[in-house]
Amino acid sequence: MTLPSDDFAYREGSLHAEGVSLTTLAEAVGTPAYVYSVAALRHRLDRYMVAFAGMDCLVAYAVKANGNLSVLSVLATAGAGADTVSEGEIHRALEAGISSDRIIFSGMGKTDAELAYALTLPGLQLNVESTPEYERLTALARARDVRPTVVIRVNPDVSAGGHAKIATGKSGDKFGVPVEEAMALYRRAQDEGAVRPVGLACHIGSQIRQVDPFGDAWRRLRQMTLALRAEGLSVDRLDLGGGLGVDYAGAGAGATPADLADLARRTVGDLVVKLAVEPGRSIVAEAGVLISRVIHVNARQDGPTFLVLDAGMNDLVRPALYDAWHDLAAINPRSGAPVAYDVVGPVCETGDTFARGRLMPPLQAGDLVAFGGAGAYAASMASEYNSRLPAAEVLVDGERWALVRPRPRLEEVLAREVRPDWI
């Protein structure tokens, strides 16, 4: 994402979220703070809804990207389902108004307690990711006399993803069931009858910006579907996995949801199955920014000029974790020659570095900046490392805004901990 954008634009020299000044928000709720645009959320979800229209396809938003209840509620009212990977995410989806028959429960390490909870929810799709998980699930289902709807997640051995840590579809990755084992597991599930196997799933990674890897994976699902049907087994669903990546660094246009939907029509459109697609990042990343205030500028005589911010890696860990790029803009830019800054936070780690040599307008203590593309895998991955308070979260809709996740007071954080009476 590059700033400014359609939903985060300069007005009279100051960066706004839709019709609200980010300076106003910083003064009202403090910094650091996440700001999400309702218009951006709706627009990016609608691109998938329109692209897959007429294909009997559930657009199941990947809750892990951003689980804020207000964000989920905006997407739920616009027609999204939910892709979840924990009991907590299921609860969030339900609380946001997404019915259980529009929820997919993925994840390769579901506990017995999580599986048992999922069995209480009518119509929920349970994506089984290993033979041991299948065996634990069937034991739980028999004990409760229920027959859950199950999809087998296949590991198609397809290399994809923008970083090794977010690739999920190669044979050495921990996710999914190898093709031949998945075929055998599907037959076993049909024969044993403890669960209701209805289809196949795959998810090959995140930050994929072209459609070719999806095509490789989906053709594998197609072949498996036809083979199972030839044996007389029913395959009624195909879960096609995650959505597209986003252009964090302004590298240029990638594939669109329309391209992805066109590929789905060409590869599996004639199979007469119910489809699901699970975009997360491409819906929320560019719908959010992180605003931060400059603590000071440290221009070393023998080294870089450090721009020290009050946001740290506990607020936005992606640069430290993935060497990820986030655009960074001055909210009220000053005139003058650009300065190359090493942009860092206050956390006691050298890894608390957002960028090196980043050219920006001249800045000084008290100035405000905004990180672009901060709606996904940002607040949802934050921590309280160094006992730093979580960033506030704000939702903007036109010229109105609301504080949708207040920054807790330190007393509230400390009150969560209990010291034993023998200390």
Protein backbone atom coordinates (compact mmCIF):
# COMPACT_ATOMS: atom_id res chain seq x y z
CA MET A 1 0.00 0.00 0.00
CA THR A 2 1.21 3.47 -0.78
CA LEU A 3 -0.04 6.53 1.06
CA PRO A 4 -2.06 8.49 0.27
CA SER A 5 -4.78 6.19 -1.12
CA ASP A 6 -8.47 6.47 -1.96
CA ASP A 7 -9.53 6.13 1.68
CA PHE A 8 -6.50 7.76 3.35
CA ALA A 9 -5.90 11.06 1.58
CA TYR A 10 -4.49 14.51 2.28
CA ARG A 11 -6.94 17.33 2.82
CA GLU A 12 -5.55 20.83 3.24
CA GLY A 13 -2.11 19.35 3.87
CA SER A 14 -3.17 16.85 6.56
CA LEU A 15 -3.72 13.11 6.16
CA HIS A 16 -7.32 11.96 6.72
CA ALA A 17 -9.13 8.63 7.05
CA GLU A 18 -12.19 9.20 4.88
CA GLY A 19 -13.55 12.47 6.30
CA VAL A 20 -11.72 12.41 9.64
CA SER A 21 -8.33 13.98 10.33
CA LEU A 22 -5.76 11.54 11.68
CA THR A 23 -4.40 14.44 13.75
CA THR A 24 -7.81 14.77 15.41
CA LEU A 25 -7.85 11.06 16.17
CA ALA A 26 -4.32 11.11 17.58
CA GLU A 27 -5.25 13.94 19.93
CA ALA A 28 -8.48 12.23 20.97
CA VAL A 29 -7.30 8.66 21.62
CA GLY A 30 -3.52 9.00 21.90
CA THR A 31 -0.80 7.17 20.02
CA PRO A 32 -0.03 4.62 18.83
CA ALA A 33 -3.47 3.84 17.42
CA TYR A 34 -4.90 1.78 14.59
CA VAL A 35 -7.47 3.41 12.33
CA TYR A 36 -9.75 1.38 10.02
CA SER A 37 -11.88 2.67 7.16
CA VAL A 38 -15.40 1.25 6.75
CA ALA A 39 -15.49 2.31 3.09
CA ALA A 40 -12.23 0.48 2.39
CA LEU A 41 -13.44 -2.68 4.13
CA ARG A 42 -16.69 -2.76 2.20
CA HIS A 43 -15.04 -1.98 -1.12
CA ARG A 44 -12.43 -4.70 -0.81
CA LEU A 45 -14.91 -7.34 0.30
CA ASP A 46 -17.27 -6.33 -2.50
CA ARG A 47 -14.57 -7.01 -5.07
CA TYR A 48 -14.63 -10.68 -4.04
CA MET A 49 -18.41 -10.83 -3.71
CA VAL A 50 -18.91 -9.44 -7.22
CA ALA A 51 -16.12 -11.51 -8.77
CA PHE A 52 -17.47 -14.83 -7.44
CA ALA A 53 -21.14 -13.98 -7.95
CA GLY A 54 -23.09 -16.77 -9.63
CA MET A 55 -20.67 -19.49 -8.51
CA ASP A 56 -22.32 -20.58 -5.23
CA CYS A 57 -19.23 -19.38 -3.39
CA LEU A 58 -18.89 -18.43 0.27
CA VAL A 59 -16.47 -15.55 0.76
CA ALA A 60 -15.21 -16.52 4.22
CA TYR A 61 -13.11 -13.70 5.66
CA ALA A 62 -9.96 -14.97 7.40
CA VAL A 63 -10.49 -13.73 10.95
CA LYS A 64 -6.83 -14.15 11.87
CA ALA A 65 -5.97 -11.14 9.71
CA ASN A 66 -7.92 -8.79 11.99
CA GLY A 67 -10.40 -10.04 14.57
CA ASN A 68 -11.65 -6.69 15.85
CA LEU A 69 -15.39 -7.14 16.52
CA SER A 70 -16.33 -3.92 14.75
CA VAL A 71 -14.31 -4.88 11.68
CA LEU A 72 -15.98 -8.31 11.70
CA SER A 73 -19.42 -6.75 12.09
CA VAL A 74 -18.87 -4.45 9.11
CA LEU A 75 -17.88 -7.44 6.98
CA ALA A 76 -20.70 -9.63 8.33
CA THR A 77 -23.35 -7.06 7.41
CA ALA A 78 -21.81 -6.88 3.93
CA GLY A 79 -22.27 -10.65 3.46
CA ALA A 80 -18.99 -12.26 4.51
CA GLY A 81 -18.67 -15.61 6.18
CA ALA A 82 -15.69 -16.45 8.40
CA ASP A 83 -12.61 -18.64 8.17
CA THR A 84 -11.46 -19.34 11.73
CA VAL A 85 -8.50 -21.16 13.29
CA SER A 86 -9.41 -21.24 16.99
CA GLU A 87 -12.38 -21.42 19.32
CA GLY A 88 -11.79 -17.79 20.19
CA GLU A 89 -12.09 -16.75 16.55
CA ILE A 90 -15.32 -18.75 16.20
CA HIS A 91 -16.76 -16.89 19.20
CA ARG A 92 -15.75 -13.58 17.61
CA ALA A 93 -17.42 -14.50 14.31
CA LEU A 94 -20.64 -15.52 16.07
CA GLU A 95 -20.61 -12.36 18.18
CA ALA A 96 -20.26 -10.30 14.99
CA GLY A 97 -23.41 -11.90 13.59
CA ILE A 98 -22.01 -14.61 11.31
CA SER A 99 -24.09 -17.77 11.59
CA SER A 100 -22.35 -21.08 12.25
CA ASP A 101 -23.31 -22.49 8.84
CA ARG A 102 -21.18 -19.72 7.29
CA ILE A 103 -18.14 -20.47 9.45
CA ILE A 104 -15.18 -22.66 8.46
CA PHE A 105 -12.97 -24.04 11.23
CA SER A 106 -9.44 -24.58 9.94
CA GLY A 107 -6.14 -25.06 11.77
CA MET A 108 -3.74 -27.97 12.08
CA GLY A 109 -3.61 -28.07 15.89
CA LYS A 110 -7.20 -28.06 17.09
CA THR A 111 -7.51 -29.27 20.68
CA ASP A 112 -10.11 -31.78 21.84
CA ALA A 113 -11.87 -28.95 23.66
CA GLU A 114 -12.03 -26.88 20.47
CA LEU A 115 -13.30 -29.83 18.44
CA ALA A 116 -15.93 -30.58 21.07
CA TYR A 117 -17.10 -26.96 20.94
CA ALA A 118 -17.27 -27.06 17.13
CA LEU A 119 -19.53 -30.13 17.35
CA THR A 120 -22.16 -28.00 19.13
CA LEU A 121 -22.50 -25.58 16.21
CA PRO A 122 -24.98 -26.60 13.49
CA GLY A 123 -23.71 -26.45 9.93
CA LEU A 124 -20.14 -25.44 10.76
CA GLN A 125 -17.59 -26.75 8.24
CA LEU A 126 -14.71 -28.52 9.97
CA ASN A 127 -11.54 -28.70 7.87
CA VAL A 128 -9.61 -31.79 8.99
CA GLU A 129 -5.85 -31.38 8.54
CA SER A 130 -4.35 -34.73 9.57
CA THR A 131 -5.19 -38.37 10.19
CA PRO A 132 -4.61 -38.03 13.97
CA GLU A 133 -7.03 -35.08 14.04
CA TYR A 134 -9.60 -37.12 12.13
CA GLU A 135 -9.30 -39.95 14.64
CA ARG A 136 -9.72 -37.61 17.62
CA LEU A 137 -12.69 -35.94 15.95
CA THR A 138 -14.49 -39.19 15.17
CA ALA A 139 -14.09 -40.38 18.77
CA LEU A 140 -15.57 -37.12 20.05
CA ALA A 141 -18.39 -37.22 17.49
CA ARG A 142 -19.38 -40.77 18.38
CA ALA A 143 -19.36 -39.98 22.10
CA ARG A 144 -21.73 -37.08 21.47
CA ASP A 145 -23.84 -38.84 18.83
CA VAL A 146 -23.35 -36.10 16.25
CA ARG A 147 -22.13 -36.27 12.65
CA PRO A 148 -20.21 -33.11 11.73
CA THR A 149 -19.67 -31.74 8.24
CA VAL A 150 -16.04 -32.39 7.32
CA VAL A 151 -13.75 -31.24 4.53
CA ILE A 152 -10.29 -32.78 4.15
CA ARG A 153 -7.52 -30.20 3.76
CA VAL A 154 -5.04 -31.37 1.15
CA ASN A 155 -1.39 -30.41 1.03
CA PRO A 156 -0.96 -30.12 -2.77
CA ASP A 157 2.85 -29.69 -2.66
CA VAL A 158 2.71 -26.31 -4.41
CA SER A 159 5.33 -23.68 -3.69
CA ALA A 160 3.84 -20.22 -3.13
CA GLY A 161 3.81 -17.33 -0.71
CA GLY A 162 5.75 -14.12 -0.34
CA HIS A 163 7.98 -15.41 2.50
CA ALA A 164 8.99 -18.89 3.69
CA LYS A 165 7.18 -18.31 6.98
CA ILE A 166 3.83 -17.75 5.26
CA ALA A 167 4.00 -20.54 2.66
CA THR A 168 1.66 -23.38 3.63
CA GLY A 169 1.29 -25.71 0.64
CA LYS A 170 4.64 -27.51 0.25
CA SER A 171 5.13 -31.11 1.31
CA GLY A 172 7.44 -30.09 4.16
CA ASP A 173 4.93 -27.63 5.64
CA LYS A 174 2.91 -28.62 8.70
CA PHE A 175 -0.47 -27.98 7.07
CA GLY A 176 -2.82 -30.41 5.39
CA VAL A 177 -2.77 -34.04 4.32
CA PRO A 178 -0.58 -35.34 1.45
CA VAL A 179 -2.60 -36.16 -1.66
CA GLU A 180 -2.61 -39.97 -1.51
CA GLU A 181 -3.17 -39.98 2.25
CA ALA A 182 -6.01 -37.49 1.79
CA MET A 183 -7.67 -39.76 -0.76
CA ALA A 184 -7.43 -42.70 1.62
CA LEU A 185 -8.70 -40.60 4.53
CA TYR A 186 -11.70 -39.42 2.49
CA ARG A 187 -12.60 -43.03 1.66
CA ARG A 188 -12.16 -44.01 5.31
CA ALA A 189 -14.39 -41.19 6.50
CA GLN A 190 -17.09 -42.24 4.04
CA ASP A 191 -16.86 -45.91 5.08
CA GLU A 192 -16.78 -45.33 8.84
CA GLY A 193 -19.68 -42.89 8.87
CA ALA A 194 -18.77 -41.03 12.06
CA VAL A 195 -18.45 -37.77 10.15
CA ARG A 196 -20.00 -36.47 6.95
CA PRO A 197 -17.19 -35.92 4.41
CA VAL A 198 -18.39 -33.41 1.83
CA GLY A 199 -15.32 -32.06 0.11
CA LEU A 200 -11.70 -31.06 -0.18
CA ALA A 201 -9.75 -27.94 0.76
CA CYS A 202 -6.33 -26.45 0.22
CA HIS A 203 -4.45 -23.32 1.30
CA ILE A 204 -1.05 -22.73 -0.22
CA GLY A 205 0.12 -19.54 1.48
CA SER A 206 -0.16 -15.82 1.89
CA GLN A 207 1.06 -12.80 -0.12
CA ILE A 208 0.53 -14.60 -3.45
CA ARG A 209 0.04 -11.87 -6.07
CA GLN A 210 -0.35 -13.94 -9.24
CA VAL A 211 -2.87 -16.70 -10.00
CA ASP A 212 -0.57 -19.43 -11.39
CA PRO A 213 0.13 -21.14 -8.03
CA PHE A 214 -3.59 -21.21 -7.27
CA GLY A 215 -4.17 -22.88 -10.61
CA ASP A 216 -1.62 -25.60 -9.81
CA ALA A 217 -3.33 -26.34 -6.48
CA TRP A 218 -6.89 -26.18 -7.76
CA ARG A 219 -6.17 -28.52 -10.66
CA ARG A 220 -4.92 -30.99 -8.07
CA LEU A 221 -8.25 -30.66 -6.22
CA ARG A 222 -10.07 -31.14 -9.51
CA GLN A 223 -8.20 -34.37 -10.25
CA MET A 224 -8.91 -35.68 -6.75
CA THR A 225 -12.59 -34.78 -7.01
CA LEU A 226 -13.00 -36.61 -10.31
CA ALA A 227 -11.12 -39.65 -8.99
CA LEU A 228 -13.25 -39.87 -5.85
CA ARG A 229 -16.44 -39.45 -7.84
CA ALA A 230 -15.31 -42.21 -10.18
CA GLU A 231 -15.24 -44.46 -7.10
CA GLY A 232 -18.82 -43.52 -6.34
CA LEU A 233 -18.03 -41.05 -3.56
CA SER A 234 -19.77 -37.69 -3.27
CA VAL A 235 -17.65 -34.51 -3.35
CA ASP A 236 -19.91 -31.49 -2.98
CA ARG A 237 -17.55 -28.75 -1.72
CA LEU A 238 -14.18 -27.31 -2.64
CA ASP A 239 -12.57 -24.86 -0.24
CA LEU A 240 -10.08 -22.97 -2.43
CA GLY A 241 -8.15 -21.34 0.41
CA GLY A 242 -6.83 -17.83 0.88
CA GLY A 243 -7.11 -14.74 -1.23
CA LEU A 244 -4.55 -12.57 -2.95
CA GLY A 245 -1.60 -10.66 -1.56
CA VAL A 246 -1.35 -6.88 -1.38
CA ASP A 247 1.09 -4.38 -2.82
CA TYR A 248 2.79 -3.14 0.36
CA ALA A 249 5.78 -1.54 -1.36
CA GLY A 250 4.18 -0.11 -4.49
CA ALA A 251 5.75 -2.77 -6.70
CA GLY A 252 2.91 -2.67 -9.25
CA ALA A 253 -0.42 -4.27 -10.03
CA GLY A 254 -0.95 -7.94 -9.29
CA ALA A 255 -3.85 -10.28 -9.92
CA THR A 256 -7.33 -9.12 -8.92
CA PRO A 257 -10.25 -10.96 -7.32
CA ALA A 258 -11.80 -11.01 -10.80
CA ASP A 259 -8.70 -12.84 -12.09
CA LEU A 260 -8.98 -15.32 -9.21
CA ALA A 261 -12.67 -15.93 -9.87
CA ASP A 262 -12.02 -16.38 -13.59
CA LEU A 263 -9.41 -19.01 -12.75
CA ALA A 264 -11.91 -20.79 -10.50
CA ARG A 265 -14.46 -20.86 -13.31
CA ARG A 266 -11.91 -22.35 -15.71
CA THR A 267 -10.50 -24.98 -13.33
CA VAL A 268 -13.41 -26.14 -11.17
CA GLY A 269 -16.45 -24.27 -12.45
CA ASP A 270 -17.91 -27.29 -14.22
CA LEU A 271 -17.75 -29.58 -11.17
CA VAL A 272 -21.06 -28.34 -9.69
CA VAL A 273 -19.71 -27.88 -6.18
CA LYS A 274 -20.20 -25.31 -3.45
CA LEU A 275 -17.04 -23.20 -3.31
CA ALA A 276 -15.38 -21.23 -0.56
CA VAL A 277 -12.58 -18.69 -0.75
CA GLU A 278 -10.89 -17.26 2.34
CA PRO A 279 -9.42 -13.78 1.74
CA GLY A 280 -8.14 -11.88 4.75
CA ARG A 281 -5.13 -9.66 4.07
CA SER A 282 -6.49 -8.35 0.75
CA ILE A 283 -9.66 -7.16 2.49
CA VAL A 284 -8.25 -5.50 5.60
CA ALA A 285 -4.56 -4.65 5.05
CA GLU A 286 -5.13 -1.51 3.01
CA ALA A 287 -8.19 -0.60 5.08
CA GLY A 288 -6.06 0.28 8.10
CA VAL A 289 -3.18 2.52 9.17
CA LEU A 290 -1.16 2.74 12.37
CA ILE A 291 -0.60 6.29 13.58
CA SER A 292 2.41 7.03 15.76
CA ARG A 293 4.12 10.07 17.23
CA VAL A 294 7.81 10.95 16.92
CA ILE A 295 9.54 10.77 20.32
CA HIS A 296 12.71 12.36 19.01
CA VAL A 297 15.18 12.42 16.13
CA ASN A 298 18.68 11.14 16.92
CA ALA A 299 21.14 12.25 14.23
CA ARG A 300 24.41 10.51 15.01
CA GLN A 301 27.61 12.02 13.77
CA ASP A 302 29.08 8.64 12.95
CA GLY A 303 25.98 6.79 11.77
CA PRO A 304 22.35 6.92 10.71
CA THR A 305 19.69 9.38 11.66
CA PHE A 306 17.22 7.53 13.87
CA LEU A 307 13.55 8.47 13.80
CA VAL A 308 12.32 7.15 17.16
CA LEU A 309 8.57 6.50 17.32
CA ASP A 310 6.20 5.66 20.16
CA ALA A 311 4.99 2.61 18.20
CA GLY A 312 7.14 -0.48 18.56
CA MET A 313 7.44 -4.03 17.36
CA ASN A 314 4.92 -5.02 20.02
CA ASP A 315 2.38 -2.94 18.06
CA LEU A 316 3.49 -3.87 14.52
CA VAL A 317 5.69 -6.96 14.45
CA ARG A 318 5.66 -7.70 10.71
CA PRO A 319 8.90 -5.84 9.86
CA ALA A 320 10.76 -7.65 12.65
CA LEU A 321 9.17 -11.02 11.88
CA TYR A 322 9.13 -11.05 8.06
CA ASP A 323 11.37 -8.11 7.07
CA ALA A 324 8.08 -6.69 5.82
CA TRP A 325 7.77 -3.30 4.16
CA HIS A 326 5.16 -0.78 5.30
CA ASP A 327 4.79 2.59 3.65
CA LEU A 328 5.28 5.44 6.09
CA ALA A 329 3.87 8.93 5.62
CA ALA A 330 4.04 12.16 7.58
CA ILE A 331 0.52 13.09 8.64
CA ASN A 332 1.28 16.82 8.47
CA PRO A 333 4.35 16.92 6.18
CA ARG A 334 6.80 19.81 6.44
CA SER A 335 8.52 21.38 3.46
CA GLY A 336 12.20 20.76 2.98
CA ALA A 337 14.60 18.26 1.49
CA PRO A 338 13.80 14.60 2.29
CA VAL A 339 15.83 12.97 5.04
CA ALA A 340 16.95 9.32 5.14
CA TYR A 341 15.80 7.89 8.46
CA ASP A 342 16.31 4.59 10.21
CA VAL A 343 12.80 4.27 11.64
CA VAL A 344 12.76 2.51 15.01
CA GLY A 345 10.53 1.99 18.02
CA PRO A 346 11.20 2.14 21.76
CA VAL A 347 11.27 -1.61 22.43
CA CYS A 348 14.51 -2.95 23.91
CA GLU A 349 15.43 -5.00 20.83
CA THR A 350 17.60 -4.12 17.82
CA GLY A 351 14.93 -5.92 15.81
CA ASP A 352 12.52 -3.13 16.74
CA THR A 353 13.31 -1.48 13.42
CA PHE A 354 10.63 -0.61 10.87
CA ALA A 355 12.82 0.68 8.05
CA ARG A 356 16.39 1.70 7.25
CA GLY A 357 17.31 4.66 5.10
CA ARG A 358 13.65 5.56 4.51
CA LEU A 359 13.32 8.91 2.73
CA MET A 360 10.74 11.15 4.40
CA PRO A 361 10.05 14.87 4.81
CA PRO A 362 11.97 16.42 7.71
CA LEU A 363 10.44 15.44 11.03
CA GLN A 364 10.86 16.50 14.64
CA ALA A 365 9.66 15.49 18.09
CA GLY A 366 5.88 15.52 18.39
CA ASP A 367 5.17 15.04 14.68
CA LEU A 368 2.74 12.33 13.59
CA VAL A 369 3.32 9.56 11.04
CA ALA A 370 1.13 6.81 9.62
CA PHE A 371 2.10 3.28 8.59
CA GLY A 372 0.16 2.11 5.55
CA GLY A 373 -1.16 -1.39 4.98
CA ALA A 374 -1.57 -1.91 8.72
CA GLY A 375 -5.06 -3.40 8.80
CA ALA A 376 -3.93 -7.03 8.56
CA TYR A 377 -1.65 -9.10 10.81
CA ALA A 378 -0.86 -6.01 12.85
CA ALA A 379 -3.17 -5.40 15.81
CA SER A 380 -4.06 -9.11 15.68
CA MET A 381 -0.38 -10.05 16.24
CA ALA A 382 0.39 -7.37 18.82
CA SER A 383 1.72 -8.06 22.31
CA GLU A 384 2.45 -6.30 25.59
CA TYR A 385 6.20 -6.88 25.38
CA ASN A 386 8.18 -4.48 27.60
CA SER A 387 4.86 -4.03 29.47
CA ARG A 388 3.75 -1.66 26.76
CA LEU A 389 0.02 -0.99 26.55
CA PRO A 390 -1.76 -2.18 23.37
CA ALA A 391 -2.59 0.42 20.75
CA ALA A 392 -6.10 1.82 20.63
CA GLU A 393 -8.28 0.91 17.63
CA VAL A 394 -10.61 3.32 15.85
CA LEU A 395 -13.25 2.79 13.15
CA VAL A 396 -14.05 5.61 10.71
CA ASP A 397 -17.18 5.79 8.57
CA GLY A 398 -17.38 8.96 6.51
CA GLU A 399 -17.10 11.88 8.92
CA ARG A 400 -17.95 9.88 12.04
CA TRP A 401 -15.62 7.74 14.10
CA ALA A 402 -15.67 5.51 17.17
CA LEU A 403 -13.08 4.12 19.55
CA VAL A 404 -13.74 0.41 19.05
CA ARG A 405 -10.95 -0.98 21.23
CA PRO A 406 -9.77 1.40 23.94
CA ARG A 407 -6.20 1.31 25.13
CA PRO A 408 -6.36 -0.36 28.57
CA ARG A 409 -5.09 1.44 31.62
CA LEU A 410 -1.99 -0.01 33.25
CA GLU A 411 -4.04 -0.74 36.38
CA GLU A 412 -6.38 -2.92 34.30
CA VAL A 413 -3.47 -4.85 32.83
CA LEU A 414 -1.90 -5.46 36.23
CA ALA A 415 -5.27 -6.49 37.69
CA ARG A 416 -5.33 -9.51 35.35
CA GLU A 417 -2.49 -11.06 37.34
CA VAL A 418 -2.86 -12.63 40.77
CA ARG A 419 0.01 -13.02 43.20
CA PRO A 420 -0.16 -16.10 45.46
CA ASP A 421 -0.82 -15.29 49.10
CA TRP A 422 2.41 -17.01 50.14
CA ILE A 423 4.58 -14.33 48.52
